[in-house]
Amino acid sequence: MFEEKENGRTVLCGANSYEKKYYFNRKFDSLPPSIKDELHIICVLFTEEVGGIFTVAYEADGNVIMETAFSPEDYLYDEISSGLMVREVRRNRQDLFESLQLYYRVFVLHEQMDSEE
């Protein structure tokens, strides 16, 4: 459904308001349950509020991105509200996204971290 995209991104999780479904990529099952729960809540609340499809993904370098999409037939979807909500989520959950980025760099990319990081 969401897993790998042609642009080299790997989807961590996402929600689809049209199908009323949540997806979590099992490649990341080793994340703590509390983080998985928080991601679930973020994704579902986002789609309940804005609609469309919302995904949290990793870029090839480990950066965490949030993406939204919508069906062309969805005349109620508000792109402006969607963009504002993405910025709000990023600002309010900055620590979470920084931790997810560090997790990816250490456990997926196998980068060595300095004590300063």
PDB file of N, CA and C in Angstrom:
ATOM      1  N   MET A   1       0.823  -1.198   0.000  1.00  0.00           N
ATOM      2  CA  MET A   1       0.000   0.000   0.000  1.00  0.00           C
ATOM      3  C   MET A   1       0.865   1.260   0.000  1.00  0.00           C
ATOM      4  N   PHE A   2       1.654   1.524   1.080  1.00  0.00           N
ATOM      5  CA  PHE A   2       2.445   2.731   1.181  1.00  0.00           C
ATOM      6  C   PHE A   2       3.949   2.473   1.118  1.00  0.00           C
ATOM      7  N   GLU A   3       4.391   1.262   1.364  1.00  0.00           N
ATOM      8  CA  GLU A   3       5.731   0.944   1.814  1.00  0.00           C
ATOM      9  C   GLU A   3       6.878   1.678   1.130  1.00  0.00           C
ATOM     10  N   GLU A   4       7.248   1.340  -0.078  1.00  0.00           N
ATOM     11  CA  GLU A   4       8.387   1.964  -0.746  1.00  0.00           C
ATOM     12  C   GLU A   4       7.872   2.788  -1.913  1.00  0.00           C
ATOM     13  N   LYS A   5       8.471   3.939  -2.089  1.00  0.00           N
ATOM     14  CA  LYS A   5       8.070   4.789  -3.206  1.00  0.00           C
ATOM     15  C   LYS A   5       9.221   4.876  -4.190  1.00  0.00           C
ATOM     16  N   GLU A   6       8.901   5.233  -5.418  1.00  0.00           N
ATOM     17  CA  GLU A   6       9.912   5.302  -6.459  1.00  0.00           C
ATOM     18  C   GLU A   6      10.932   6.397  -6.212  1.00  0.00           C
ATOM     19  N   ASN A   7      10.635   7.356  -5.358  1.00  0.00           N
ATOM     20  CA  ASN A   7      11.546   8.451  -5.090  1.00  0.00           C
ATOM     21  C   ASN A   7      12.567   8.126  -3.999  1.00  0.00           C
ATOM     22  N   GLY A   8      12.668   6.878  -3.608  1.00  0.00           N
ATOM     23  CA  GLY A   8      13.662   6.469  -2.618  1.00  0.00           C
ATOM     24  C   GLY A   8      13.232   6.660  -1.180  1.00  0.00           C
ATOM     25  N   ARG A   9      12.017   7.053  -0.968  1.00  0.00           N
ATOM     26  CA  ARG A   9      11.521   7.252   0.390  1.00  0.00           C
ATOM     27  C   ARG A   9      10.912   5.960   0.909  1.00  0.00           C
ATOM     28  N   THR A  10      11.024   5.770   2.210  1.00  0.00           N
ATOM     29  CA  THR A  10      10.417   4.617   2.858  1.00  0.00           C
ATOM     30  C   THR A  10       9.363   5.130   3.829  1.00  0.00           C
ATOM     31  N   VAL A  11       8.144   4.700   3.635  1.00  0.00           N
ATOM     32  CA  VAL A  11       7.056   5.152   4.497  1.00  0.00           C
ATOM     33  C   VAL A  11       7.141   4.447   5.845  1.00  0.00           C
ATOM     34  N   LEU A  12       7.076   5.231   6.901  1.00  0.00           N
ATOM     35  CA  LEU A  12       7.049   4.703   8.258  1.00  0.00           C
ATOM     36  C   LEU A  12       5.612   4.363   8.642  1.00  0.00           C
ATOM     37  N   CYS A  13       4.697   5.288   8.396  1.00  0.00           N
ATOM     38  CA  CYS A  13       3.299   5.053   8.732  1.00  0.00           C
ATOM     39  C   CYS A  13       2.426   6.034   7.967  1.00  0.00           C
ATOM     40  N   GLY A  14       1.147   5.769   7.985  1.00  0.00           N
ATOM     41  CA  GLY A  14       0.233   6.658   7.297  1.00  0.00           C
ATOM     42  C   GLY A  14      -1.206   6.312   7.591  1.00  0.00           C
ATOM     43  N   ALA A  15      -2.066   7.249   7.253  1.00  0.00           N
ATOM     44  CA  ALA A  15      -3.505   7.033   7.419  1.00  0.00           C
ATOM     45  C   ALA A  15      -4.209   7.526   6.168  1.00  0.00           C
ATOM     46  N   ASN A  16      -5.316   6.850   5.854  1.00  0.00           N
ATOM     47  CA  ASN A  16      -6.085   7.152   4.662  1.00  0.00           C
ATOM     48  C   ASN A  16      -7.528   7.403   5.093  1.00  0.00           C
ATOM     49  N   SER A  17      -7.996   8.640   4.935  1.00  0.00           N
ATOM     50  CA  SER A  17      -9.358   8.970   5.370  1.00  0.00           C
ATOM     51  C   SER A  17     -10.419   8.364   4.462  1.00  0.00           C
ATOM     52  N   TYR A  18     -10.064   8.051   3.236  1.00  0.00           N
ATOM     53  CA  TYR A  18     -11.036   7.489   2.297  1.00  0.00           C
ATOM     54  C   TYR A  18     -11.347   6.032   2.627  1.00  0.00           C
ATOM     55  N   GLU A  19     -10.322   5.297   3.008  1.00  0.00           N
ATOM     56  CA  GLU A  19     -10.499   3.880   3.334  1.00  0.00           C
ATOM     57  C   GLU A  19     -10.631   3.643   4.834  1.00  0.00           C
ATOM     58  N   LYS A  20     -10.449   4.709   5.619  1.00  0.00           N
ATOM     59  CA  LYS A  20     -10.487   4.617   7.085  1.00  0.00           C
ATOM     60  C   LYS A  20      -9.493   3.557   7.575  1.00  0.00           C
ATOM     61  N   LYS A  21      -8.245   3.667   7.082  1.00  0.00           N
ATOM     62  CA  LYS A  21      -7.211   2.702   7.438  1.00  0.00           C
ATOM     63  C   LYS A  21      -5.956   3.409   7.903  1.00  0.00           C
ATOM     64  N   TYR A  22      -5.241   2.719   8.797  1.00  0.00           N
ATOM     65  CA  TYR A  22      -3.932   3.152   9.287  1.00  0.00           C
ATOM     66  C   TYR A  22      -2.924   2.093   8.882  1.00  0.00           C
ATOM     67  N   TYR A  23      -1.742   2.520   8.485  1.00  0.00           N
ATOM     68  CA  TYR A  23      -0.680   1.607   8.072  1.00  0.00           C
ATOM     69  C   TYR A  23       0.574   1.906   8.875  1.00  0.00           C
ATOM     70  N   PHE A  24       1.236   0.849   9.359  1.00  0.00           N
ATOM     71  CA  PHE A  24       2.540   0.979  10.005  1.00  0.00           C
ATOM     72  C   PHE A  24       3.482  -0.019   9.351  1.00  0.00           C
ATOM     73  N   ASN A  25       4.621   0.465   8.901  1.00  0.00           N
ATOM     74  CA  ASN A  25       5.597  -0.373   8.222  1.00  0.00           C
ATOM     75  C   ASN A  25       6.273  -1.301   9.236  1.00  0.00           C
ATOM     76  N   ARG A  26       6.062  -2.591   9.085  1.00  0.00           N
ATOM     77  CA  ARG A  26       6.592  -3.588  10.028  1.00  0.00           C
ATOM     78  C   ARG A  26       8.116  -3.645  10.072  1.00  0.00           C
ATOM     79  N   LYS A  27       8.779  -3.007   9.114  1.00  0.00           N
ATOM     80  CA  LYS A  27      10.238  -2.933   9.162  1.00  0.00           C
ATOM     81  C   LYS A  27      10.705  -2.160  10.396  1.00  0.00           C
ATOM     82  N   PHE A  28       9.793  -1.382  10.977  1.00  0.00           N
ATOM     83  CA  PHE A  28      10.138  -0.542  12.115  1.00  0.00           C
ATOM     84  C   PHE A  28       9.465  -1.012  13.409  1.00  0.00           C
ATOM     85  N   ASP A  29       9.178  -2.296  13.485  1.00  0.00           N
ATOM     86  CA  ASP A  29       8.549  -2.864  14.682  1.00  0.00           C
ATOM     87  C   ASP A  29       9.383  -2.704  15.944  1.00  0.00           C
ATOM     88  N   SER A  30      10.685  -2.495  15.793  1.00  0.00           N
ATOM     89  CA  SER A  30      11.541  -2.370  16.971  1.00  0.00           C
ATOM     90  C   SER A  30      11.407  -1.013  17.665  1.00  0.00           C
ATOM     91  N   LEU A  31      10.651  -0.095  17.075  1.00  0.00           N
ATOM     92  CA  LEU A  31      10.392   1.169  17.766  1.00  0.00           C
ATOM     93  C   LEU A  31       9.589   0.891  19.035  1.00  0.00           C
ATOM     94  N   PRO A  32       9.817   1.669  20.077  1.00  0.00           N
ATOM     95  CA  PRO A  32       9.046   1.472  21.319  1.00  0.00           C
ATOM     96  C   PRO A  32       7.548   1.625  21.078  1.00  0.00           C
ATOM     97  N   PRO A  33       6.740   0.839  21.791  1.00  0.00           N
ATOM     98  CA  PRO A  33       5.279   0.924  21.636  1.00  0.00           C
ATOM     99  C   PRO A  33       4.724   2.331  21.838  1.00  0.00           C
ATOM    100  N   SER A  34       5.291   3.092  22.743  1.00  0.00           N
ATOM    101  CA  SER A  34       4.786   4.444  22.993  1.00  0.00           C
ATOM    102  C   SER A  34       4.971   5.337  21.763  1.00  0.00           C
ATOM    103  N   ILE A  35       6.060   5.160  21.040  1.00  0.00           N
ATOM    104  CA  ILE A  35       6.293   5.942  19.829  1.00  0.00           C
ATOM    105  C   ILE A  35       5.355   5.483  18.725  1.00  0.00           C
ATOM    106  N   LYS A  36       5.166   4.174  18.595  1.00  0.00           N
ATOM    107  CA  LYS A  36       4.228   3.661  17.592  1.00  0.00           C
ATOM    108  C   LYS A  36       2.815   4.174  17.877  1.00  0.00           C
ATOM    109  N   ASP A  37       2.428   4.202  19.145  1.00  0.00           N
ATOM    110  CA  ASP A  37       1.109   4.716  19.519  1.00  0.00           C
ATOM    111  C   ASP A  37       0.974   6.203  19.182  1.00  0.00           C
ATOM    112  N   GLU A  38       2.025   6.969  19.466  1.00  0.00           N
ATOM    113  CA  GLU A  38       1.993   8.405  19.185  1.00  0.00           C
ATOM    114  C   GLU A  38       1.875   8.659  17.678  1.00  0.00           C
ATOM    115  N   LEU A  39       2.604   7.895  16.882  1.00  0.00           N
ATOM    116  CA  LEU A  39       2.513   8.025  15.428  1.00  0.00           C
ATOM    117  C   LEU A  39       1.111   7.684  14.933  1.00  0.00           C
ATOM    118  N   HIS A  40       0.533   6.650  15.507  1.00  0.00           N
ATOM    119  CA  HIS A  40      -0.827   6.240  15.137  1.00  0.00           C
ATOM    120  C   HIS A  40      -1.806   7.386  15.407  1.00  0.00           C
ATOM    121  N   ILE A  41      -1.699   7.970  16.568  1.00  0.00           N
ATOM    122  CA  ILE A  41      -2.587   9.064  16.954  1.00  0.00           C
ATOM    123  C   ILE A  41      -2.401  10.263  16.022  1.00  0.00           C
ATOM    124  N   ILE A  42      -1.150  10.626  15.741  1.00  0.00           N
ATOM    125  CA  ILE A  42      -0.870  11.761  14.857  1.00  0.00           C
ATOM    126  C   ILE A  42      -1.510  11.541  13.484  1.00  0.00           C
ATOM    127  N   CYS A  43      -1.292  10.376  12.906  1.00  0.00           N
ATOM    128  CA  CYS A  43      -1.790  10.095  11.555  1.00  0.00           C
ATOM    129  C   CYS A  43      -3.309  10.103  11.499  1.00  0.00           C
ATOM    130  N   VAL A  44      -3.934   9.417  12.440  1.00  0.00           N
ATOM    131  CA  VAL A  44      -5.398   9.318  12.416  1.00  0.00           C
ATOM    132  C   VAL A  44      -6.039  10.675  12.702  1.00  0.00           C
ATOM    133  N   LEU A  45      -5.536  11.400  13.674  1.00  0.00           N
ATOM    134  CA  LEU A  45      -6.108  12.718  13.969  1.00  0.00           C
ATOM    135  C   LEU A  45      -5.935  13.671  12.792  1.00  0.00           C
ATOM    136  N   PHE A  46      -4.782  13.569  12.114  1.00  0.00           N
ATOM    137  CA  PHE A  46      -4.555  14.430  10.955  1.00  0.00           C
ATOM    138  C   PHE A  46      -5.622  14.185   9.889  1.00  0.00           C
ATOM    139  N   THR A  47      -5.830  12.931   9.545  1.00  0.00           N
ATOM    140  CA  THR A  47      -6.807  12.634   8.487  1.00  0.00           C
ATOM    141  C   THR A  47      -8.241  12.885   8.940  1.00  0.00           C
ATOM    142  N   GLU A  48      -8.519  12.754  10.218  1.00  0.00           N
ATOM    143  CA  GLU A  48      -9.864  13.071  10.711  1.00  0.00           C
ATOM    144  C   GLU A  48     -10.126  14.567  10.600  1.00  0.00           C
ATOM    145  N   GLU A  49      -9.099  15.367  10.847  1.00  0.00           N
ATOM    146  CA  GLU A  49      -9.262  16.818  10.815  1.00  0.00           C
ATOM    147  C   GLU A  49      -9.211  17.377   9.391  1.00  0.00           C
ATOM    148  N   VAL A  50      -8.267  16.913   8.594  1.00  0.00           N
ATOM    149  CA  VAL A  50      -8.016  17.502   7.279  1.00  0.00           C
ATOM    150  C   VAL A  50      -8.575  16.653   6.142  1.00  0.00           C
ATOM    151  N   GLY A  51      -8.581  15.342   6.329  1.00  0.00           N
ATOM    152  CA  GLY A  51      -9.000  14.433   5.274  1.00  0.00           C
ATOM    153  C   GLY A  51      -7.811  13.984   4.448  1.00  0.00           C
ATOM    154  N   GLY A  52      -8.087  13.314   3.355  1.00  0.00           N
ATOM    155  CA  GLY A  52      -7.030  12.873   2.455  1.00  0.00           C
ATOM    156  C   GLY A  52      -6.195  11.729   3.000  1.00  0.00           C
ATOM    157  N   ILE A  53      -4.962  11.698   2.539  1.00  0.00           N
ATOM    158  CA  ILE A  53      -4.004  10.666   2.942  1.00  0.00           C
ATOM    159  C   ILE A  53      -2.801  11.375   3.548  1.00  0.00           C
ATOM    160  N   PHE A  54      -2.357  10.908   4.688  1.00  0.00           N
ATOM    161  CA  PHE A  54      -1.224  11.498   5.394  1.00  0.00           C
ATOM    162  C   PHE A  54      -0.192  10.418   5.643  1.00  0.00           C
ATOM    163  N   THR A  55       1.062  10.692   5.308  1.00  0.00           N
ATOM    164  CA  THR A  55       2.128   9.719   5.555  1.00  0.00           C
ATOM    165  C   THR A  55       3.317  10.388   6.231  1.00  0.00           C
ATOM    166  N   VAL A  56       3.994   9.601   7.048  1.00  0.00           N
ATOM    167  CA  VAL A  56       5.268   9.969   7.645  1.00  0.00           C
ATOM    168  C   VAL A  56       6.276   9.030   7.009  1.00  0.00           C
ATOM    169  N   ALA A  57       7.316   9.595   6.406  1.00  0.00           N
ATOM    170  CA  ALA A  57       8.272   8.776   5.658  1.00  0.00           C
ATOM    171  C   ALA A  57       9.697   9.211   5.950  1.00  0.00           C
ATOM    172  N   TYR A  58      10.619   8.313   5.618  1.00  0.00           N
ATOM    173  CA  TYR A  58      12.044   8.603   5.694  1.00  0.00           C
ATOM    174  C   TYR A  58      12.570   8.843   4.296  1.00  0.00           C
ATOM    175  N   GLU A  59      13.369   9.888   4.132  1.00  0.00           N
ATOM    176  CA  GLU A  59      14.120  10.063   2.903  1.00  0.00           C
ATOM    177  C   GLU A  59      15.345   9.168   2.991  1.00  0.00           C
ATOM    178  N   ALA A  60      16.051   8.989   1.898  1.00  0.00           N
ATOM    179  CA  ALA A  60      17.203   8.081   1.862  1.00  0.00           C
ATOM    180  C   ALA A  60      18.265   8.445   2.893  1.00  0.00           C
ATOM    181  N   ASP A  61      18.410   9.725   3.221  1.00  0.00           N
ATOM    182  CA  ASP A  61      19.427  10.145   4.195  1.00  0.00           C
ATOM    183  C   ASP A  61      18.944  10.075   5.638  1.00  0.00           C
ATOM    184  N   GLY A  62      17.691   9.670   5.859  1.00  0.00           N
ATOM    185  CA  GLY A  62      17.161   9.526   7.210  1.00  0.00           C
ATOM    186  C   GLY A  62      16.288  10.667   7.671  1.00  0.00           C
ATOM    187  N   ASN A  63      16.182  11.732   6.884  1.00  0.00           N
ATOM    188  CA  ASN A  63      15.294  12.828   7.279  1.00  0.00           C
ATOM    189  C   ASN A  63      13.847  12.352   7.284  1.00  0.00           C
ATOM    190  N   VAL A  64      13.106  12.815   8.271  1.00  0.00           N
ATOM    191  CA  VAL A  64      11.692  12.454   8.401  1.00  0.00           C
ATOM    192  C   VAL A  64      10.868  13.532   7.710  1.00  0.00           C
ATOM    193  N   ILE A  65       9.973  13.085   6.840  1.00  0.00           N
ATOM    194  CA  ILE A  65       9.102  14.023   6.142  1.00  0.00           C
ATOM    195  C   ILE A  65       7.648  13.614   6.340  1.00  0.00           C
ATOM    196  N   MET A  66       6.782  14.584   6.220  1.00  0.00           N
ATOM    197  CA  MET A  66       5.343  14.330   6.261  1.00  0.00           C
ATOM    198  C   MET A  66       4.772  14.747   4.926  1.00  0.00           C
ATOM    199  N   GLU A  67       3.919  13.891   4.377  1.00  0.00           N
ATOM    200  CA  GLU A  67       3.335  14.163   3.076  1.00  0.00           C
ATOM    201  C   GLU A  67       1.823  14.005   3.152  1.00  0.00           C
ATOM    202  N   THR A  68       1.142  14.805   2.357  1.00  0.00           N
ATOM    203  CA  THR A  68      -0.306  14.673   2.255  1.00  0.00           C
ATOM    204  C   THR A  68      -0.679  14.513   0.785  1.00  0.00           C
ATOM    205  N   ALA A  69      -1.781  13.854   0.559  1.00  0.00           N
ATOM    206  CA  ALA A  69      -2.314  13.667  -0.788  1.00  0.00           C
ATOM    207  C   ALA A  69      -3.830  13.621  -0.669  1.00  0.00           C
ATOM    208  N   PHE A  70      -4.485  13.823  -1.789  1.00  0.00           N
ATOM    209  CA  PHE A  70      -5.941  13.775  -1.769  1.00  0.00           C
ATOM    210  C   PHE A  70      -6.461  13.329  -3.121  1.00  0.00           C
ATOM    211  N   SER A  71      -7.650  12.841  -3.101  1.00  0.00           N
ATOM    212  CA  SER A  71      -8.323  12.395  -4.312  1.00  0.00           C
ATOM    213  C   SER A  71      -8.825  13.620  -5.088  1.00  0.00           C
ATOM    214  N   PRO A  72      -8.689  13.603  -6.403  1.00  0.00           N
ATOM    215  CA  PRO A  72      -9.199  14.734  -7.191  1.00  0.00           C
ATOM    216  C   PRO A  72     -10.701  14.968  -7.008  1.00  0.00           C
ATOM    217  N   GLU A  73     -11.426  13.934  -6.626  1.00  0.00           N
ATOM    218  CA  GLU A  73     -12.869  14.068  -6.406  1.00  0.00           C
ATOM    219  C   GLU A  73     -13.208  14.625  -5.025  1.00  0.00           C
ATOM    220  N   ASP A  74     -12.202  14.826  -4.183  1.00  0.00           N
ATOM    221  CA  ASP A  74     -12.414  15.297  -2.818  1.00  0.00           C
ATOM    222  C   ASP A  74     -12.460  16.831  -2.805  1.00  0.00           C
ATOM    223  N   TYR A  75     -13.633  17.372  -2.981  1.00  0.00           N
ATOM    224  CA  TYR A  75     -13.792  18.825  -3.056  1.00  0.00           C
ATOM    225  C   TYR A  75     -13.762  19.488  -1.677  1.00  0.00           C
ATOM    226  N   LEU A  76     -13.820  18.708  -0.620  1.00  0.00           N
ATOM    227  CA  LEU A  76     -13.783  19.260   0.729  1.00  0.00           C
ATOM    228  C   LEU A  76     -12.370  19.367   1.283  1.00  0.00           C
ATOM    229  N   TYR A  77     -11.413  18.726   0.633  1.00  0.00           N
ATOM    230  CA  TYR A  77     -10.018  18.763   1.100  1.00  0.00           C
ATOM    231  C   TYR A  77      -9.474  20.180   0.951  1.00  0.00           C
ATOM    232  N   ASP A  78      -8.845  20.671   1.996  1.00  0.00           N
ATOM    233  CA  ASP A  78      -8.312  22.029   2.018  1.00  0.00           C
ATOM    234  C   ASP A  78      -6.789  21.967   2.072  1.00  0.00           C
ATOM    235  N   GLU A  79      -6.137  22.269   0.954  1.00  0.00           N
ATOM    236  CA  GLU A  79      -4.676  22.194   0.886  1.00  0.00           C
ATOM    237  C   GLU A  79      -4.003  23.183   1.833  1.00  0.00           C
ATOM    238  N   ILE A  80      -4.586  24.334   2.022  1.00  0.00           N
ATOM    239  CA  ILE A  80      -3.996  25.330   2.919  1.00  0.00           C
ATOM    240  C   ILE A  80      -4.023  24.828   4.358  1.00  0.00           C
ATOM    241  N   SER A  81      -5.174  24.321   4.800  1.00  0.00           N
ATOM    242  CA  SER A  81      -5.272  23.765   6.154  1.00  0.00           C
ATOM    243  C   SER A  81      -4.312  22.594   6.342  1.00  0.00           C
ATOM    244  N   SER A  82      -4.178  21.799   5.300  1.00  0.00           N
ATOM    245  CA  SER A  82      -3.284  20.653   5.350  1.00  0.00           C
ATOM    246  C   SER A  82      -1.842  21.108   5.596  1.00  0.00           C
ATOM    247  N   GLY A  83      -1.396  22.100   4.836  1.00  0.00           N
ATOM    248  CA  GLY A  83      -0.037  22.617   5.014  1.00  0.00           C
ATOM    249  C   GLY A  83       0.179  23.209   6.389  1.00  0.00           C
ATOM    250  N   LEU A  84      -0.823  23.944   6.884  1.00  0.00           N
ATOM    251  CA  LEU A  84      -0.720  24.524   8.226  1.00  0.00           C
ATOM    252  C   LEU A  84      -0.651  23.440   9.295  1.00  0.00           C
ATOM    253  N   MET A  85      -1.439  22.390   9.101  1.00  0.00           N
ATOM    254  CA  MET A  85      -1.460  21.294  10.069  1.00  0.00           C
ATOM    255  C   MET A  85      -0.124  20.541  10.073  1.00  0.00           C
ATOM    256  N   VAL A  86       0.473  20.338   8.911  1.00  0.00           N
ATOM    257  CA  VAL A  86       1.788  19.680   8.842  1.00  0.00           C
ATOM    258  C   VAL A  86       2.808  20.497   9.636  1.00  0.00           C
ATOM    259  N   ARG A  87       2.819  21.815   9.443  1.00  0.00           N
ATOM    260  CA  ARG A  87       3.760  22.660  10.182  1.00  0.00           C
ATOM    261  C   ARG A  87       3.503  22.608  11.681  1.00  0.00           C
ATOM    262  N   GLU A  88       2.234  22.574  12.062  1.00  0.00           N
ATOM    263  CA  GLU A  88       1.896  22.507  13.480  1.00  0.00           C
ATOM    264  C   GLU A  88       2.353  21.182  14.091  1.00  0.00           C
ATOM    265  N   VAL A  89       2.111  20.094  13.396  1.00  0.00           N
ATOM    266  CA  VAL A  89       2.546  18.777  13.892  1.00  0.00           C
ATOM    267  C   VAL A  89       4.057  18.758  14.034  1.00  0.00           C
ATOM    268  N   ARG A  90       4.784  19.240  13.028  1.00  0.00           N
ATOM    269  CA  ARG A  90       6.246  19.245  13.082  1.00  0.00           C
ATOM    270  C   ARG A  90       6.734  20.077  14.261  1.00  0.00           C
ATOM    271  N   ARG A  91       6.141  21.231  14.484  1.00  0.00           N
ATOM    272  CA  ARG A  91       6.555  22.103  15.582  1.00  0.00           C
ATOM    273  C   ARG A  91       6.247  21.461  16.942  1.00  0.00           C
ATOM    274  N   ASN A  92       5.052  20.909  17.093  1.00  0.00           N
ATOM    275  CA  ASN A  92       4.648  20.335  18.371  1.00  0.00           C
ATOM    276  C   ASN A  92       5.323  19.005  18.684  1.00  0.00           C
ATOM    277  N   ARG A  93       5.753  18.290  17.670  1.00  0.00           N
ATOM    278  CA  ARG A  93       6.355  16.958  17.852  1.00  0.00           C
ATOM    279  C   ARG A  93       7.806  16.924  17.399  1.00  0.00           C
ATOM    280  N   GLN A  94       8.490  18.050  17.470  1.00  0.00           N
ATOM    281  CA  GLN A  94       9.863  18.163  16.991  1.00  0.00           C
ATOM    282  C   GLN A  94      10.780  17.120  17.621  1.00  0.00           C
ATOM    283  N   ASP A  95      10.660  16.917  18.926  1.00  0.00           N
ATOM    284  CA  ASP A  95      11.505  15.927  19.607  1.00  0.00           C
ATOM    285  C   ASP A  95      11.262  14.522  19.070  1.00  0.00           C
ATOM    286  N   LEU A  96      10.013  14.184  18.819  1.00  0.00           N
ATOM    287  CA  LEU A  96       9.680  12.876  18.271  1.00  0.00           C
ATOM    288  C   LEU A  96      10.351  12.675  16.918  1.00  0.00           C
ATOM    289  N   PHE A  97      10.233  13.660  16.036  1.00  0.00           N
ATOM    290  CA  PHE A  97      10.792  13.521  14.690  1.00  0.00           C
ATOM    291  C   PHE A  97      12.321  13.502  14.709  1.00  0.00           C
ATOM    292  N   GLU A  98      12.935  14.243  15.622  1.00  0.00           N
ATOM    293  CA  GLU A  98      14.391  14.183  15.755  1.00  0.00           C
ATOM    294  C   GLU A  98      14.820  12.803  16.245  1.00  0.00           C
ATOM    295  N   SER A  99      14.073  12.224  17.173  1.00  0.00           N
ATOM    296  CA  SER A  99      14.378  10.879  17.669  1.00  0.00           C
ATOM    297  C   SER A  99      14.206   9.837  16.568  1.00  0.00           C
ATOM    298  N   LEU A 100      13.163   9.969  15.768  1.00  0.00           N
ATOM    299  CA  LEU A 100      12.942   9.038  14.657  1.00  0.00           C
ATOM    300  C   LEU A 100      14.067   9.132  13.635  1.00  0.00           C
ATOM    301  N   GLN A 101      14.541  10.341  13.384  1.00  0.00           N
ATOM    302  CA  GLN A 101      15.651  10.518  12.452  1.00  0.00           C
ATOM    303  C   GLN A 101      16.912   9.858  12.993  1.00  0.00           C
ATOM    304  N   LEU A 102      17.198  10.052  14.263  1.00  0.00           N
ATOM    305  CA  LEU A 102      18.372   9.432  14.882  1.00  0.00           C
ATOM    306  C   LEU A 102      18.258   7.914  14.841  1.00  0.00           C
ATOM    307  N   TYR A 103      17.076   7.388  15.135  1.00  0.00           N
ATOM    308  CA  TYR A 103      16.829   5.940  15.081  1.00  0.00           C
ATOM    309  C   TYR A 103      17.171   5.397  13.695  1.00  0.00           C
ATOM    310  N   TYR A 104      16.685   6.062  12.662  1.00  0.00           N
ATOM    311  CA  TYR A 104      16.915   5.598  11.291  1.00  0.00           C
ATOM    312  C   TYR A 104      18.404   5.627  10.951  1.00  0.00           C
ATOM    313  N   ARG A 105      19.063   6.708  11.333  1.00  0.00           N
ATOM    314  CA  ARG A 105      20.489   6.827  11.009  1.00  0.00           C
ATOM    315  C   ARG A 105      21.322   5.757  11.711  1.00  0.00           C
ATOM    316  N   VAL A 106      20.958   5.410  12.941  1.00  0.00           N
ATOM    317  CA  VAL A 106      21.729   4.424  13.703  1.00  0.00           C
ATOM    318  C   VAL A 106      21.354   2.994  13.320  1.00  0.00           C
ATOM    319  N   PHE A 107      20.068   2.678  13.296  1.00  0.00           N
ATOM    320  CA  PHE A 107      19.639   1.292  13.126  1.00  0.00           C
ATOM    321  C   PHE A 107      19.404   0.847  11.682  1.00  0.00           C
ATOM    322  N   VAL A 108      19.168   1.783  10.788  1.00  0.00           N
ATOM    323  CA  VAL A 108      18.949   1.418   9.389  1.00  0.00           C
ATOM    324  C   VAL A 108      20.175   1.737   8.540  1.00  0.00           C
ATOM    325  N   LEU A 109      20.695   2.961   8.694  1.00  0.00           N
ATOM    326  CA  LEU A 109      21.861   3.357   7.915  1.00  0.00           C
ATOM    327  C   LEU A 109      23.181   2.936   8.565  1.00  0.00           C
ATOM    328  N   HIS A 110      23.117   2.511   9.832  1.00  0.00           N
ATOM    329  CA  HIS A 110      24.271   2.041  10.593  1.00  0.00           C
ATOM    330  C   HIS A 110      25.373   3.103  10.684  1.00  0.00           C
ATOM    331  N   GLU A 111      24.980   4.340  10.868  1.00  0.00           N
ATOM    332  CA  GLU A 111      25.934   5.428  11.052  1.00  0.00           C
ATOM    333  C   GLU A 111      26.453   5.408  12.481  1.00  0.00           C
ATOM    334  N   GLN A 112      27.704   5.797  12.644  1.00  0.00           N
ATOM    335  CA  GLN A 112      28.284   5.938  13.973  1.00  0.00           C
ATOM    336  C   GLN A 112      27.977   7.344  14.464  1.00  0.00           C
ATOM    337  N   MET A 113      27.475   7.458  15.672  1.00  0.00           N
ATOM    338  CA  MET A 113      27.124   8.758  16.222  1.00  0.00           C
ATOM    339  C   MET A 113      28.226   9.225  17.162  1.00  0.00           C
ATOM    340  N   ASP A 114      28.530  10.519  17.089  1.00  0.00           N
ATOM    341  CA  ASP A 114      29.452  11.125  18.039  1.00  0.00           C
ATOM    342  C   ASP A 114      28.718  11.313  19.359  1.00  0.00           C
ATOM    343  N   SER A 115      29.469  11.487  20.425  1.00  0.00           N
ATOM    344  CA  SER A 115      28.842  11.704  21.735  1.00  0.00           C
ATOM    345  C   SER A 115      28.056  13.003  21.760  1.00  0.00           C
ATOM    346  N   GLU A 116      28.412  13.962  20.876  1.00  0.00           N
ATOM    347  CA  GLU A 116      27.690  15.233  20.816  1.00  0.00           C
ATOM    348  C   GLU A 116      26.308  15.079  20.215  1.00  0.00           C
ATOM    349  N   GLU A 117      26.109  14.070  19.362  1.00  0.00           N
ATOM    350  CA  GLU A 117      24.808  13.874  18.715  1.00  0.00           C
ATOM    351  C   GLU A 117      23.914  13.114  19.642  1.00  0.00           C
TER     352      GLU A 117
END
